[in-house]
Amino acid sequence: MRRSFYQYILTQRGHNFYDPVEAFAGAVAKDIMFPKYSEDYHEITDYLELSVDYLNSMDLFDQVWESYLENNK
């Protein structure tokens, strides 16, 4: 079953906020405006680049996106 990026990133949450992926996942979980149903790379990157300050580098997003694609086949 395909799932949105939001549904995937929530599975990456944890309590280790020194881990950048877990910290990113925790921030996304708290973001009520995040595009929760999107599977579209461009929609999500536009949102992250223009609307949030909790992601220091889009490289981290790209890494998580690749993992999302691998796990969402």
C-alpha atoms as a PDB file:
ATOM      1  CA  MET A   1       0.000   0.000   0.000  1.00  0.00           C
ATOM      2  CA  ARG A   2       1.366   3.384  -0.992  1.00  0.00           C
ATOM      3  CA  ARG A   3       1.589   6.003   1.682  1.00  0.00           C
ATOM      4  CA  SER A   4       2.276   9.694   1.725  1.00  0.00           C
ATOM      5  CA  PHE A   5       5.673  11.093   2.623  1.00  0.00           C
ATOM      6  CA  TYR A   6       4.154  12.384   5.868  1.00  0.00           C
ATOM      7  CA  GLN A   7       3.001   8.902   6.848  1.00  0.00           C
ATOM      8  CA  TYR A   8       6.486   7.572   6.100  1.00  0.00           C
ATOM      9  CA  ILE A   9       8.404  10.268   7.976  1.00  0.00           C
ATOM     10  CA  LEU A  10       6.301   9.698  11.095  1.00  0.00           C
ATOM     11  CA  THR A  11       7.727   6.167  11.247  1.00  0.00           C
ATOM     12  CA  GLN A  12      11.205   7.711  11.562  1.00  0.00           C
ATOM     13  CA  ARG A  13      10.448   9.597  14.790  1.00  0.00           C
ATOM     14  CA  GLY A  14      12.409   8.719  17.865  1.00  0.00           C
ATOM     15  CA  HIS A  15      13.795  10.157  21.042  1.00  0.00           C
ATOM     16  CA  ASN A  16      17.324  10.776  19.788  1.00  0.00           C
ATOM     17  CA  PHE A  17      17.158  14.426  18.754  1.00  0.00           C
ATOM     18  CA  TYR A  18      20.856  14.325  17.907  1.00  0.00           C
ATOM     19  CA  ASP A  19      19.963  12.091  14.965  1.00  0.00           C
ATOM     20  CA  PRO A  20      19.084  14.487  12.133  1.00  0.00           C
ATOM     21  CA  VAL A  21      16.452  12.210  10.576  1.00  0.00           C
ATOM     22  CA  GLU A  22      14.668  11.694  13.899  1.00  0.00           C
ATOM     23  CA  ALA A  23      14.810  15.421  14.635  1.00  0.00           C
ATOM     24  CA  PHE A  24      13.404  16.195  11.162  1.00  0.00           C
ATOM     25  CA  ALA A  25      10.631  13.632  11.655  1.00  0.00           C
ATOM     26  CA  GLY A  26       9.746  15.121  15.033  1.00  0.00           C
ATOM     27  CA  ALA A  27       9.558  18.626  13.556  1.00  0.00           C
ATOM     28  CA  VAL A  28       7.349  17.435  10.689  1.00  0.00           C
ATOM     29  CA  ALA A  29       5.034  15.724  13.189  1.00  0.00           C
ATOM     30  CA  LYS A  30       4.540  19.067  14.977  1.00  0.00           C
ATOM     31  CA  ASP A  31       3.984  21.026  11.734  1.00  0.00           C
ATOM     32  CA  ILE A  32       0.217  21.317  11.303  1.00  0.00           C
ATOM     33  CA  MET A  33       0.580  22.861   7.827  1.00  0.00           C
ATOM     34  CA  PHE A  34       2.774  20.099   6.350  1.00  0.00           C
ATOM     35  CA  PRO A  35       1.229  18.622   3.152  1.00  0.00           C
ATOM     36  CA  LYS A  36       0.132  15.403   4.840  1.00  0.00           C
ATOM     37  CA  TYR A  37      -1.269  13.591   1.810  1.00  0.00           C
ATOM     38  CA  SER A  38       1.380  14.463  -0.737  1.00  0.00           C
ATOM     39  CA  GLU A  39       3.560  11.960  -2.561  1.00  0.00           C
ATOM     40  CA  ASP A  40       4.957  14.697  -4.814  1.00  0.00           C
ATOM     41  CA  TYR A  41       8.624  15.621  -4.413  1.00  0.00           C
ATOM     42  CA  HIS A  42       8.226  19.131  -5.836  1.00  0.00           C
ATOM     43  CA  GLU A  43       5.227  20.019  -3.690  1.00  0.00           C
ATOM     44  CA  ILE A  44       7.043  18.947  -0.528  1.00  0.00           C
ATOM     45  CA  THR A  45      10.365  20.607  -1.415  1.00  0.00           C
ATOM     46  CA  ASP A  46       8.580  23.864  -2.247  1.00  0.00           C
ATOM     47  CA  TYR A  47       6.843  23.737   1.111  1.00  0.00           C
ATOM     48  CA  LEU A  48      10.059  22.988   3.002  1.00  0.00           C
ATOM     49  CA  GLU A  49      12.088  25.644   1.190  1.00  0.00           C
ATOM     50  CA  LEU A  50       9.498  28.403   1.480  1.00  0.00           C
ATOM     51  CA  SER A  51       7.570  27.748   4.670  1.00  0.00           C
ATOM     52  CA  VAL A  52       9.685  26.179   7.399  1.00  0.00           C
ATOM     53  CA  ASP A  53      12.803  26.912   9.392  1.00  0.00           C
ATOM     54  CA  TYR A  54      13.323  23.514  11.030  1.00  0.00           C
ATOM     55  CA  LEU A  55      15.254  21.999   8.125  1.00  0.00           C
ATOM     56  CA  ASN A  56      18.797  23.325   7.836  1.00  0.00           C
ATOM     57  CA  SER A  57      19.677  21.473   4.642  1.00  0.00           C
ATOM     58  CA  MET A  58      17.669  20.079   1.777  1.00  0.00           C
ATOM     59  CA  ASP A  59      20.346  17.372   1.512  1.00  0.00           C
ATOM     60  CA  LEU A  60      18.769  15.726   4.548  1.00  0.00           C
ATOM     61  CA  PHE A  61      15.352  15.819   2.907  1.00  0.00           C
ATOM     62  CA  ASP A  62      16.782  14.309  -0.284  1.00  0.00           C
ATOM     63  CA  GLN A  63      18.318  11.471   1.743  1.00  0.00           C
ATOM     64  CA  VAL A  64      15.018  10.779   3.515  1.00  0.00           C
ATOM     65  CA  TRP A  65      13.118  11.060   0.213  1.00  0.00           C
ATOM     66  CA  GLU A  66      15.299   8.334  -1.339  1.00  0.00           C
ATOM     67  CA  SER A  67      14.576   6.094   1.640  1.00  0.00           C
ATOM     68  CA  TYR A  68      10.861   6.896   1.283  1.00  0.00           C
ATOM     69  CA  LEU A  69      10.919   5.862  -2.380  1.00  0.00           C
ATOM     70  CA  GLU A  70      12.689   2.590  -1.555  1.00  0.00           C
ATOM     71  CA  ASN A  71      10.170   1.772   1.165  1.00  0.00           C
ATOM     72  CA  ASN A  72       7.081   2.888  -0.747  1.00  0.00           C
ATOM     73  CA  LYS A  73       7.165   0.621  -3.791  1.00  0.00           C
END
